[in-house]
């Protein structure tokens, strides 16, 4: 057995554990607990969190840039978090889930998102509550802090909290090199090279089987990444707040155009999603029970891949918000999962299922057959080409969307990795990490094996385990902070706010809120 075969075998075993039923049950169980303990906050206070997220976008304090050092506005925090979560998984990942688990996988993806809203909410509440200023005077927060100072403060848990915090940071940095860099760039290069082929350059091979065209695209992305990420979080946030709304709206409008043209298939598509969730078509395989499990596993897994609720990743940017109330930033976490999965992923699913799919178009929901010439990675582009066939304009549109989705993911994960590095080595050395992260971009352009993607996938899952342990243990605190907020802000009761674990920050923020600075 070769070294690579050995690595592949070990990685498959670990991946099967963290993304198998053990990991998924822990993930969904956390979502169920958070939902029940907060009295279904995402539904019971739907009007309130909606008004304080998307409904507040015209308020200066939400979208206006803050002068506070190292802090960004709540909207910039959302856009930077969405930049990292809205990636290739929203297009190719959803199509792959349908191809493997059938239309029913979409239903289970929605369930994962519904529960994930409260997992993400809990992470962000804890992130704001346990954050602190680093030696540069910037906010630092994330799973590593609520693991070390939250879980670590429990009886006999000091070293457990510290060890889990260090492991979380190591897995985050490794994932940022893989899924947060090389994997995304590999998808960008593959899609751009295929949609906008320049044969004079793509026919020239360098470094074995890598085309010169791919290398040029990779170098261009690396330079662009360096210009943005080496400028720090504020520059990343400034770019994200401009690109993310544009790319999401563009993709949703393009998807709506496809769905509207195929309007007669909308109701059958939704029927297939709900019926196949509990009675999958024969192609999914095995007995009814195993078929349902496969559809559910694909939906859960792809839902988590897409919105990252439970990984503890987006907390690291939400914690940089200039907001004072933990619950207010938590509500942006709810909206993040809603926008990523309920909107973008649903659009992708409907594009695949309505584009003649139910009747044997790019994908046949009854037989599970993908039309000849397509793979799960090109299903969405093929669906767009059925409506916009002129010169392959549909596939070109998806290539551009994939570029925007994947490139912004690289930017977001650069921040995540730098925060993990900061926890381990200090804020003054994060520039070293950003340079290393930029250098990994070029390897993504030359990647020919899926092993690097699979390994980073595993590290992404490994992040989830210590994070969820911390969230589950600290859920009573999340409930306490939530009840305190509801009493003050919704019921109008006079009560001292719960804002920070640090007495000085608590006092400062309480005074600011008293003076109307939220």
Protein backbone atom coordinates (compact mmCIF):
# COMPACT_ATOMS: atom_id res chain seq x y z
CA UNK A 1 0.00 0.00 0.00
CA UNK A 2 1.40 3.40 -1.03
CA UNK A 3 1.62 6.36 1.35
CA UNK A 4 -1.25 8.18 -0.43
CA UNK A 5 -3.42 5.06 -0.26
CA UNK A 6 -2.69 4.82 3.46
CA UNK A 7 -3.58 8.50 4.01
CA UNK A 8 -6.76 8.07 1.96
CA UNK A 9 -7.84 5.04 3.99
CA UNK A 10 -7.26 6.77 7.34
CA UNK A 11 -8.99 9.94 6.14
CA UNK A 12 -12.01 7.94 4.96
CA UNK A 13 -12.33 6.32 8.40
CA UNK A 14 -12.14 9.65 10.25
CA UNK A 15 -14.42 11.36 7.72
CA UNK A 16 -16.95 8.56 8.05
CA UNK A 17 -17.04 9.16 11.80
CA UNK A 18 -17.24 12.97 11.94
CA UNK A 19 -19.66 13.24 9.01
CA UNK A 20 -21.42 9.94 9.72
CA UNK A 21 -24.40 9.46 11.98
CA UNK A 22 -22.38 10.12 15.15
CA UNK A 23 -21.42 13.63 14.03
CA UNK A 24 -24.78 14.36 12.40
CA UNK A 25 -26.75 13.24 15.47
CA UNK A 26 -24.57 15.46 17.68
CA UNK A 27 -25.12 18.34 15.26
CA UNK A 28 -28.87 17.90 14.92
CA UNK A 29 -29.25 17.11 18.62
CA UNK A 30 -27.63 20.44 19.47
CA UNK A 31 -30.05 22.19 17.11
CA UNK A 32 -33.03 20.42 18.70
CA UNK A 33 -31.86 21.32 22.22
CA UNK A 34 -31.23 24.96 21.27
CA UNK A 35 -34.62 25.17 19.56
CA UNK A 36 -36.56 23.61 22.44
CA UNK A 37 -34.74 25.43 25.25
CA UNK A 38 -35.20 28.85 23.59
CA UNK A 39 -38.90 27.99 23.02
CA UNK A 40 -38.50 27.83 19.23
CA UNK A 41 -37.07 31.34 19.08
CA UNK A 42 -36.71 31.24 15.27
CA UNK A 43 -40.53 30.90 14.99
CA UNK A 44 -41.91 32.39 18.21
CA UNK A 45 -39.97 35.61 17.64
CA UNK A 46 -39.88 35.50 13.83
CA UNK A 47 -41.25 39.03 13.44
CA UNK A 48 -38.69 40.42 15.90
CA UNK A 49 -35.55 38.81 14.44
CA UNK A 50 -36.69 39.56 10.90
CA UNK A 51 -37.22 43.23 11.78
CA UNK A 52 -33.79 43.37 13.44
CA UNK A 53 -31.95 41.78 10.50
CA UNK A 54 -33.16 42.24 6.93
CA UNK A 55 -35.76 44.74 8.14
CA UNK A 56 -33.10 47.02 9.62
CA UNK A 57 -30.85 47.35 6.56
CA UNK A 58 -31.71 51.01 6.08
CA UNK A 59 -30.60 51.96 9.59
CA UNK A 60 -27.27 53.75 9.77
CA UNK A 61 -26.12 51.85 12.86
CA UNK A 62 -26.57 48.55 10.98
CA UNK A 63 -25.01 49.33 7.60
CA UNK A 64 -22.88 52.36 8.48
CA UNK A 65 -19.14 51.79 8.86
CA UNK A 66 -17.88 52.04 12.43
CA UNK A 67 -14.76 53.98 13.40
CA UNK A 68 -14.09 51.56 16.28
CA UNK A 69 -10.70 49.88 15.74
CA UNK A 70 -10.96 46.32 14.44
CA UNK A 71 -14.77 46.40 14.54
CA UNK A 72 -17.22 46.16 11.65
CA UNK A 73 -20.95 46.84 11.29
CA UNK A 74 -23.52 44.04 11.86
CA UNK A 75 -24.27 44.01 8.11
CA UNK A 76 -20.56 43.73 7.24
CA UNK A 77 -20.27 40.86 9.74
CA UNK A 78 -23.21 39.10 8.05
CA UNK A 79 -21.76 39.63 4.54
CA UNK A 80 -18.32 38.40 5.58
CA UNK A 81 -19.88 35.33 7.23
CA UNK A 82 -22.04 34.70 4.14
CA UNK A 83 -18.93 35.20 2.00
CA UNK A 84 -17.42 32.16 3.69
CA UNK A 85 -20.60 30.04 3.87
CA UNK A 86 -22.13 30.74 0.44
CA UNK A 87 -19.68 28.72 -1.64
CA UNK A 88 -19.50 25.86 -4.11
CA UNK A 89 -21.68 23.76 -1.78
CA UNK A 90 -24.67 25.95 -2.63
CA UNK A 91 -24.47 24.98 -6.31
CA UNK A 92 -22.51 21.76 -6.87
CA UNK A 93 -23.18 20.48 -3.33
CA UNK A 94 -26.97 20.71 -3.55
CA UNK A 95 -26.97 19.11 -7.01
CA UNK A 96 -24.80 16.27 -5.66
CA UNK A 97 -27.20 15.72 -2.73
CA UNK A 98 -30.14 15.39 -5.14
CA UNK A 99 -28.17 13.11 -7.47
CA UNK A 100 -27.28 10.73 -4.62
CA UNK A 101 -30.23 11.03 -2.24
CA UNK A 102 -33.02 12.06 -4.59
CA UNK A 103 -35.37 15.05 -4.37
CA UNK A 104 -36.19 14.10 -0.76
CA UNK A 105 -32.70 15.18 0.30
CA UNK A 106 -33.86 18.79 -0.09
CA UNK A 107 -36.51 18.31 2.62
CA UNK A 108 -33.90 17.04 5.09
CA UNK A 109 -31.65 19.93 4.09
CA UNK A 110 -34.45 22.29 5.18
CA UNK A 111 -34.81 20.45 8.50
CA UNK A 112 -31.06 20.77 9.12
CA UNK A 113 -31.28 24.49 8.33
CA UNK A 114 -34.30 25.05 10.60
CA UNK A 115 -32.44 23.51 13.53
CA UNK A 116 -29.15 25.05 12.39
CA UNK A 117 -30.64 28.51 12.76
CA UNK A 118 -30.66 28.08 16.54
CA UNK A 119 -27.25 26.39 16.62
CA UNK A 120 -25.79 29.36 14.76
CA UNK A 121 -27.75 31.73 17.01
CA UNK A 122 -26.30 30.06 20.12
CA UNK A 123 -22.75 30.17 18.73
CA UNK A 124 -23.00 33.88 18.01
CA UNK A 125 -24.57 34.73 21.37
CA UNK A 126 -21.67 32.93 23.08
CA UNK A 127 -19.18 34.54 20.67
CA UNK A 128 -20.24 38.08 21.61
CA UNK A 129 -20.55 37.23 25.32
CA UNK A 130 -17.04 35.73 25.62
CA UNK A 131 -15.15 38.03 23.22
CA UNK A 132 -12.36 40.35 24.36
CA UNK A 133 -9.94 42.92 22.90
CA UNK A 134 -6.56 41.61 21.69
CA UNK A 135 -3.19 43.37 21.95
CA UNK A 136 -4.04 45.38 18.81
CA UNK A 137 -7.23 46.67 20.42
CA UNK A 138 -9.42 44.58 18.07
CA UNK A 139 -12.29 42.29 19.06
CA UNK A 140 -11.47 38.59 19.19
CA UNK A 141 -14.10 35.93 19.67
CA UNK A 142 -14.99 32.43 18.60
CA UNK A 143 -15.42 28.86 19.78
CA UNK A 144 -11.89 28.77 21.23
CA UNK A 145 -12.80 31.51 23.71
CA UNK A 146 -16.09 30.08 24.93
CA UNK A 147 -14.40 26.68 25.16
CA UNK A 148 -11.51 27.97 27.28
CA UNK A 149 -13.41 30.58 29.37
CA UNK A 150 -16.92 29.11 29.29
CA UNK A 151 -16.54 25.35 29.33
CA UNK A 152 -13.17 25.78 31.11
CA UNK A 153 -14.85 27.65 33.98
CA UNK A 154 -16.98 24.60 34.83
CA UNK A 155 -15.87 22.41 37.73
CA UNK A 156 -12.89 20.18 36.81
CA UNK A 157 -13.09 21.32 33.15
CA UNK A 158 -10.26 23.87 32.98
CA UNK A 159 -7.84 21.71 30.99
CA UNK A 160 -10.60 20.09 28.93
CA UNK A 161 -11.70 23.55 27.78
CA UNK A 162 -8.15 24.61 26.92
CA UNK A 163 -7.35 21.39 25.03
CA UNK A 164 -10.59 21.55 23.01
CA UNK A 165 -9.89 25.23 22.22
CA UNK A 166 -6.41 24.39 20.88
CA UNK A 167 -7.75 21.45 18.83
CA UNK A 168 -10.48 23.67 17.38
CA UNK A 169 -7.87 26.23 16.29
CA UNK A 170 -5.62 23.60 14.69
CA UNK A 171 -8.52 22.08 12.74
CA UNK A 172 -9.71 25.56 11.69
CA UNK A 173 -6.32 26.51 10.24
CA UNK A 174 -6.00 23.22 8.37
CA UNK A 175 -9.56 23.55 7.02
CA UNK A 176 -8.83 27.13 5.92
CA UNK A 177 -6.00 25.83 3.71
CA UNK A 178 -8.23 23.15 2.21
CA UNK A 179 -11.93 24.03 1.91
CA UNK A 180 -11.09 27.69 2.62
CA UNK A 181 -8.50 27.97 -0.15
CA UNK A 182 -7.30 25.10 -2.34
CA UNK A 183 -10.67 23.38 -2.72
CA UNK A 184 -12.51 26.58 -3.66
CA UNK A 185 -9.81 27.75 -6.10
CA UNK A 186 -9.79 24.32 -7.73
CA UNK A 187 -13.52 24.65 -8.44
CA UNK A 188 -13.08 28.22 -9.73
CA UNK A 189 -10.31 27.23 -12.14
CA UNK A 190 -12.16 24.15 -13.40
CA UNK A 191 -15.39 26.08 -14.10
CA UNK A 192 -13.78 29.20 -15.60
CA UNK A 193 -11.42 27.14 -17.79
CA UNK A 194 -14.34 25.05 -19.08
CA UNK A 195 -16.77 27.96 -19.70
CA UNK A 196 -14.22 30.42 -21.10
CA UNK A 197 -11.71 28.12 -22.77
CA UNK A 198 -8.70 29.65 -24.57
CA UNK A 199 -7.29 26.69 -26.47
CA UNK A 200 -4.06 28.47 -27.41
CA UNK A 201 -3.12 28.55 -23.71
CA UNK A 202 -5.09 25.63 -22.27
CA UNK A 203 -3.35 23.22 -24.67
CA UNK A 204 0.06 24.04 -23.18
CA UNK A 205 0.89 21.77 -20.25
CA UNK A 206 3.17 22.70 -17.36
CA UNK A 207 4.05 20.78 -14.18
CA UNK A 208 2.86 17.52 -15.72
CA UNK A 209 -0.89 17.61 -16.46
CA UNK A 210 -1.59 21.21 -15.39
CA UNK A 211 -2.45 23.57 -18.24
CA UNK A 212 -0.81 26.98 -18.52
CA UNK A 213 -4.31 28.50 -18.62
CA UNK A 214 -5.17 26.99 -15.22
CA UNK A 215 -1.88 28.27 -13.81
CA UNK A 216 -2.52 31.82 -15.08
CA UNK A 217 -6.02 31.82 -13.57
CA UNK A 218 -4.57 30.55 -10.27
CA UNK A 219 -1.88 33.24 -10.16
CA UNK A 220 -4.47 35.93 -10.91
CA UNK A 221 -6.68 34.70 -8.05
CA UNK A 222 -3.67 34.55 -5.72
CA UNK A 223 -2.75 38.19 -6.46
CA UNK A 224 -6.36 39.30 -5.99
CA UNK A 225 -6.59 37.37 -2.71
CA UNK A 226 -3.35 38.93 -1.44
CA UNK A 227 -4.50 42.47 -2.23
CA UNK A 228 -7.68 41.96 -0.20
CA UNK A 229 -6.77 39.62 2.69
CA UNK A 230 -3.42 41.18 3.57
CA UNK A 231 -5.34 44.39 4.30
CA UNK A 232 -7.06 42.71 7.27
CA UNK A 233 -10.69 42.22 8.28
CA UNK A 234 -11.94 45.73 7.44
CA UNK A 235 -10.80 45.37 3.82
CA UNK A 236 -12.29 41.86 3.59
CA UNK A 237 -15.58 43.19 5.05
CA UNK A 238 -15.63 46.16 2.65
CA UNK A 239 -15.29 43.80 -0.33
CA UNK A 240 -17.76 41.26 1.10
CA UNK A 241 -20.55 43.81 1.69
CA UNK A 242 -20.35 44.78 -2.00
CA UNK A 243 -19.95 41.35 -3.61
CA UNK A 244 -22.16 39.12 -1.42
CA UNK A 245 -25.53 40.94 -1.85
CA UNK A 246 -24.80 41.29 -5.59
CA UNK A 247 -23.90 37.63 -6.11
CA UNK A 248 -26.81 36.29 -4.06
CA UNK A 249 -29.38 38.54 -5.78
CA UNK A 250 -27.89 37.75 -9.22
CA UNK A 251 -28.05 33.99 -8.63
CA UNK A 252 -31.57 34.15 -7.17
CA UNK A 253 -32.84 36.24 -10.11
CA UNK A 254 -31.22 33.90 -12.63
CA UNK A 255 -32.71 30.91 -10.82
CA UNK A 256 -36.16 32.53 -10.69
CA UNK A 257 -35.98 33.05 -14.45
CA UNK A 258 -35.37 29.30 -14.95
CA UNK A 259 -38.08 28.33 -12.46
CA UNK A 260 -40.64 30.75 -13.97
CA UNK A 261 -40.06 29.42 -17.49
CA UNK A 262 -40.66 25.92 -16.09
CA UNK A 263 -43.56 27.08 -13.90
CA UNK A 264 -45.64 23.98 -14.65
CA UNK A 265 -43.02 21.82 -12.89
CA UNK A 266 -42.93 23.87 -9.64
CA UNK A 267 -45.75 22.03 -7.84
CA UNK A 268 -44.54 18.58 -9.01
CA UNK A 269 -41.03 19.52 -7.82
CA UNK A 270 -42.25 20.39 -4.32
CA UNK A 271 -44.36 17.23 -4.30
CA UNK A 272 -41.28 15.18 -5.20
CA UNK A 273 -39.30 16.85 -2.39
CA UNK A 274 -41.91 16.04 0.30
CA UNK A 275 -42.95 12.59 -0.98
CA UNK A 276 -39.42 11.36 -1.66
CA UNK A 277 -38.26 12.46 1.78
CA UNK A 278 -40.30 9.59 3.27
CA UNK A 279 -40.75 7.38 0.23
CA UNK A 280 -37.59 7.69 -1.87
CA UNK A 281 -37.60 6.41 -5.41
CA UNK A 282 -36.12 2.96 -6.02
CA UNK A 283 -32.87 4.35 -7.45
CA UNK A 284 -31.78 5.62 -4.02
CA UNK A 285 -31.25 1.97 -3.21
CA UNK A 286 -31.93 -0.66 -0.59
CA UNK A 287 -34.97 -1.05 1.60
CA UNK A 288 -37.34 1.82 2.36
CA UNK A 289 -35.63 2.43 5.70
CA UNK A 290 -32.11 2.58 4.28
CA UNK A 291 -33.33 4.71 1.36
CA UNK A 292 -34.85 7.28 3.75
CA UNK A 293 -31.63 7.25 5.79
CA UNK A 294 -29.55 7.91 2.66
CA UNK A 295 -31.81 10.78 1.56
CA UNK A 296 -31.73 12.25 5.09
CA UNK A 297 -27.97 11.84 5.42
CA UNK A 298 -27.35 13.61 2.12
CA UNK A 299 -29.72 16.43 3.02
CA UNK A 300 -28.27 16.91 6.51
CA UNK A 301 -24.68 16.68 5.32
CA UNK A 302 -25.05 19.08 2.40
CA UNK A 303 -27.12 21.47 4.50
CA UNK A 304 -24.34 21.66 7.08
CA UNK A 305 -21.66 21.92 4.39
CA UNK A 306 -23.53 24.86 2.96
CA UNK A 307 -24.48 26.96 6.00
CA UNK A 308 -21.72 25.77 8.40
CA UNK A 309 -24.07 26.01 11.41
CA UNK A 310 -22.38 24.01 14.15
CA UNK A 311 -18.83 24.31 12.85
CA UNK A 312 -18.12 27.42 14.94
CA UNK A 313 -16.59 29.16 11.93
CA UNK A 314 -18.75 32.24 11.31
CA UNK A 315 -18.66 33.13 15.03
CA UNK A 316 -15.14 34.44 14.48
CA UNK A 317 -16.38 37.22 12.22
CA UNK A 318 -19.72 37.87 13.95
CA UNK A 319 -17.69 38.53 17.13
CA UNK A 320 -16.03 41.50 15.37
CA UNK A 321 -19.36 43.31 15.10
CA UNK A 322 -19.62 46.64 16.93
CA UNK A 323 -22.95 45.50 18.38
CA UNK A 324 -23.31 45.33 22.18
CA UNK A 325 -26.19 42.87 22.58
CA UNK A 326 -25.24 39.16 22.15
CA UNK A 327 -28.82 38.29 21.12
CA UNK A 328 -28.87 40.93 18.38
CA UNK A 329 -25.83 39.39 16.69
CA UNK A 330 -27.33 35.96 17.32
CA UNK A 331 -30.35 37.00 15.25
CA UNK A 332 -28.03 37.82 12.33
CA UNK A 333 -26.80 34.23 12.70
CA UNK A 334 -30.38 33.00 12.25
CA UNK A 335 -30.74 35.10 9.10
CA UNK A 336 -27.36 33.85 7.79
CA UNK A 337 -28.59 30.22 7.78
CA UNK A 338 -31.96 31.28 6.35
CA UNK A 339 -30.34 33.18 3.44
CA UNK A 340 -27.78 30.48 2.72
CA UNK A 341 -29.96 27.38 2.81
CA UNK A 342 -33.62 28.37 2.69
CA UNK A 343 -33.01 30.84 -0.15
CA UNK A 344 -29.86 30.06 -2.18
CA UNK A 345 -29.85 26.25 -1.78
CA UNK A 346 -33.60 26.03 -2.43
CA UNK A 347 -33.15 28.03 -5.63
CA UNK A 348 -30.46 25.58 -6.78
CA UNK A 349 -32.66 22.58 -5.98
CA UNK A 350 -35.68 24.00 -7.85
CA UNK A 351 -33.51 24.87 -10.88
CA UNK A 352 -32.38 21.23 -11.12
CA UNK A 353 -35.82 19.73 -10.45
CA UNK A 354 -37.91 22.03 -12.66
CA UNK A 355 -35.63 22.12 -15.70
CA UNK A 356 -37.36 19.13 -17.24
CA UNK A 357 -35.88 17.01 -14.45
CA UNK A 358 -39.16 15.40 -13.40
CA UNK A 359 -39.75 14.42 -17.03
CA UNK A 360 -36.22 13.35 -17.84
CA UNK A 361 -34.43 16.66 -18.45
CA UNK A 362 -30.96 17.29 -16.94
CA UNK A 363 -32.00 15.05 -14.03
CA UNK A 364 -34.84 12.54 -13.79
CA UNK A 365 -36.33 12.54 -10.28
CA UNK A 366 -38.09 9.21 -10.92
CA UNK A 367 -35.05 7.21 -12.09
CA UNK A 368 -32.19 9.26 -10.65
CA UNK A 369 -30.59 9.41 -14.09
CA UNK A 370 -28.40 12.40 -14.91
CA UNK A 371 -28.66 13.41 -18.57
CA UNK A 372 -25.81 12.32 -20.80
CA UNK A 373 -22.89 14.74 -20.83
CA UNK A 374 -23.52 16.06 -17.32
CA UNK A 375 -22.24 15.28 -13.84
CA UNK A 376 -23.57 16.44 -10.48
CA UNK A 377 -21.03 19.30 -10.68
CA UNK A 378 -22.42 20.55 -14.02
CA UNK A 379 -26.15 19.89 -13.45
CA UNK A 380 -26.96 23.50 -12.57
CA UNK A 381 -25.01 24.87 -15.54
CA UNK A 382 -26.83 22.38 -17.77
CA UNK A 383 -30.18 23.52 -16.37
CA UNK A 384 -29.33 27.15 -17.13
CA UNK A 385 -28.25 26.17 -20.66
CA UNK A 386 -31.69 24.68 -21.34
CA UNK A 387 -33.16 28.20 -21.04
CA UNK A 388 -30.15 30.28 -22.11
CA UNK A 389 -28.50 28.10 -24.79
CA UNK A 390 -26.92 30.83 -26.92
CA UNK A 391 -23.19 30.21 -26.94
CA UNK A 392 -23.40 28.30 -23.65
CA UNK A 393 -24.37 31.51 -21.85
CA UNK A 394 -26.10 29.53 -19.10
CA UNK A 395 -22.94 27.62 -18.21
CA UNK A 396 -20.94 30.88 -18.37
CA UNK A 397 -23.39 32.49 -15.93
CA UNK A 398 -22.89 29.60 -13.49
CA UNK A 399 -19.11 29.80 -13.96
CA UNK A 400 -19.22 33.47 -12.94
CA UNK A 401 -21.52 32.66 -10.00
CA UNK A 402 -19.18 29.86 -8.91
CA UNK A 403 -16.23 32.26 -9.14
CA UNK A 404 -17.94 34.84 -6.92
CA UNK A 405 -19.24 32.24 -4.46
CA UNK A 406 -15.92 30.41 -4.17
CA UNK A 407 -13.66 33.49 -4.16
CA UNK A 408 -15.58 35.17 -1.34
CA UNK A 409 -15.33 31.89 0.58
CA UNK A 410 -11.54 32.14 0.30
CA UNK A 411 -11.70 35.67 1.75
CA UNK A 412 -13.93 34.67 4.67
CA UNK A 413 -11.85 31.64 5.59
CA UNK A 414 -8.68 33.74 5.55
CA UNK A 415 -10.15 35.63 8.52
CA UNK A 416 -11.23 32.44 10.27
CA UNK A 417 -7.78 30.91 9.96
CA UNK A 418 -6.07 34.12 11.11
CA UNK A 419 -8.25 34.22 14.24
CA UNK A 420 -7.33 30.63 15.05
CA UNK A 421 -3.66 31.51 14.50
CA UNK A 422 -4.06 34.57 16.74
CA UNK A 423 -5.37 32.43 19.61
CA UNK A 424 -2.34 30.13 19.39
CA UNK A 425 0.46 32.55 18.50
CA UNK A 426 -0.79 36.09 19.23
CA UNK A 427 -2.38 38.90 17.21
CA UNK A 428 0.93 40.46 16.17
CA UNK A 429 1.88 37.40 14.07
CA UNK A 430 -1.37 36.94 12.08
CA UNK A 431 0.27 38.52 9.02
CA UNK A 432 2.37 35.35 8.74
CA UNK A 433 -0.76 33.20 8.52
CA UNK A 434 -2.33 35.43 5.85
CA UNK A 435 0.80 35.11 3.69
CA UNK A 436 0.77 31.31 4.06
CA UNK A 437 -2.95 31.25 3.21
CA UNK A 438 -2.37 33.32 0.07
CA UNK A 439 0.41 30.94 -1.04
CA UNK A 440 -1.91 27.91 -0.78
CA UNK A 441 -4.18 29.44 -3.45
CA UNK A 442 -1.82 28.50 -6.27
CA UNK A 443 -1.87 24.85 -5.23
CA UNK A 444 -5.63 24.82 -5.73
CA UNK A 445 -5.10 25.72 -9.39
CA UNK A 446 -2.78 22.72 -9.82
CA UNK A 447 -4.83 20.23 -7.84
CA UNK A 448 -5.68 17.13 -9.85
CA UNK A 449 -6.62 14.79 -7.00
CA UNK A 450 -9.65 15.00 -4.73
CA UNK A 451 -7.58 13.84 -1.74
CA UNK A 452 -6.71 17.37 -0.58
CA UNK A 453 -10.41 18.33 -0.72
CA UNK A 454 -11.40 15.17 1.17
CA UNK A 455 -8.82 15.78 3.90
CA UNK A 456 -9.86 19.41 4.38
CA UNK A 457 -13.46 18.18 4.46
CA UNK A 458 -12.48 15.99 7.41
CA UNK A 459 -10.78 18.86 9.24
CA UNK A 460 -13.91 20.94 8.70
CA UNK A 461 -15.92 18.20 10.39
CA UNK A 462 -13.36 17.88 13.20
CA UNK A 463 -13.93 21.59 13.99
CA UNK A 464 -17.53 20.71 14.70
CA UNK A 465 -16.90 18.26 17.54
CA UNK A 466 -15.17 20.52 20.13
CA UNK A 467 -17.41 23.45 19.15
CA UNK A 468 -20.65 21.52 19.70
CA UNK A 469 -19.43 20.14 23.03
CA UNK A 470 -18.93 23.74 24.14
CA UNK A 471 -22.31 24.89 22.79
CA UNK A 472 -24.24 22.03 24.45
CA UNK A 473 -22.58 22.62 27.85
CA UNK A 474 -23.20 26.38 27.63
CA UNK A 475 -26.80 26.25 26.32
CA UNK A 476 -28.20 27.15 29.80
CA UNK A 477 -26.20 30.39 29.55
CA UNK A 478 -27.60 31.05 26.04
CA UNK A 479 -31.12 30.55 27.41
CA UNK A 480 -30.42 32.90 30.34
CA UNK A 481 -29.10 35.64 28.01
CA UNK A 482 -32.06 35.13 25.64
CA UNK A 483 -34.66 35.34 28.43
CA UNK A 484 -32.97 38.49 29.72
CA UNK A 485 -33.14 40.08 26.25
CA UNK A 486 -36.79 39.08 25.69
CA UNK A 487 -37.82 40.58 29.04
CA UNK A 488 -36.04 43.87 28.31
CA UNK A 489 -36.54 44.38 24.57
CA UNK A 490 -39.79 42.58 23.78
CA UNK A 491 -41.76 42.65 27.05
CA UNK A 492 -40.37 46.04 28.13
CA UNK A 493 -39.42 44.95 31.65
CA UNK A 494 -36.75 46.79 33.61
CA UNK A 495 -33.85 44.41 34.11
CA UNK A 496 -30.04 44.62 34.10
CA UNK A 497 -28.72 43.42 30.72
CA UNK A 498 -26.44 40.37 30.41
CA UNK A 499 -23.77 41.35 27.86
CA UNK A 500 -20.32 40.00 28.70
CA UNK A 501 -18.39 37.56 30.88
CA UNK A 502 -15.89 40.37 31.55
CA UNK A 503 -17.08 42.80 34.28
CA UNK A 504 -15.38 45.79 32.63
CA UNK A 505 -16.89 45.09 29.19
CA UNK A 506 -20.25 44.39 30.85
CA UNK A 507 -20.16 47.76 32.59
CA UNK A 508 -19.01 49.66 29.47
CA UNK A 509 -21.64 48.07 27.20
CA UNK A 510 -24.43 48.42 29.74
CA UNK A 511 -23.65 52.13 29.98
CA UNK A 512 -23.60 52.44 26.18
CA UNK A 513 -27.01 50.73 25.89
CA UNK A 514 -28.37 53.00 28.62
CA UNK A 515 -27.25 55.97 26.52
CA UNK A 516 -28.94 54.54 23.42
CA UNK A 517 -25.74 53.21 21.76
CA UNK A 518 -26.54 49.66 20.68
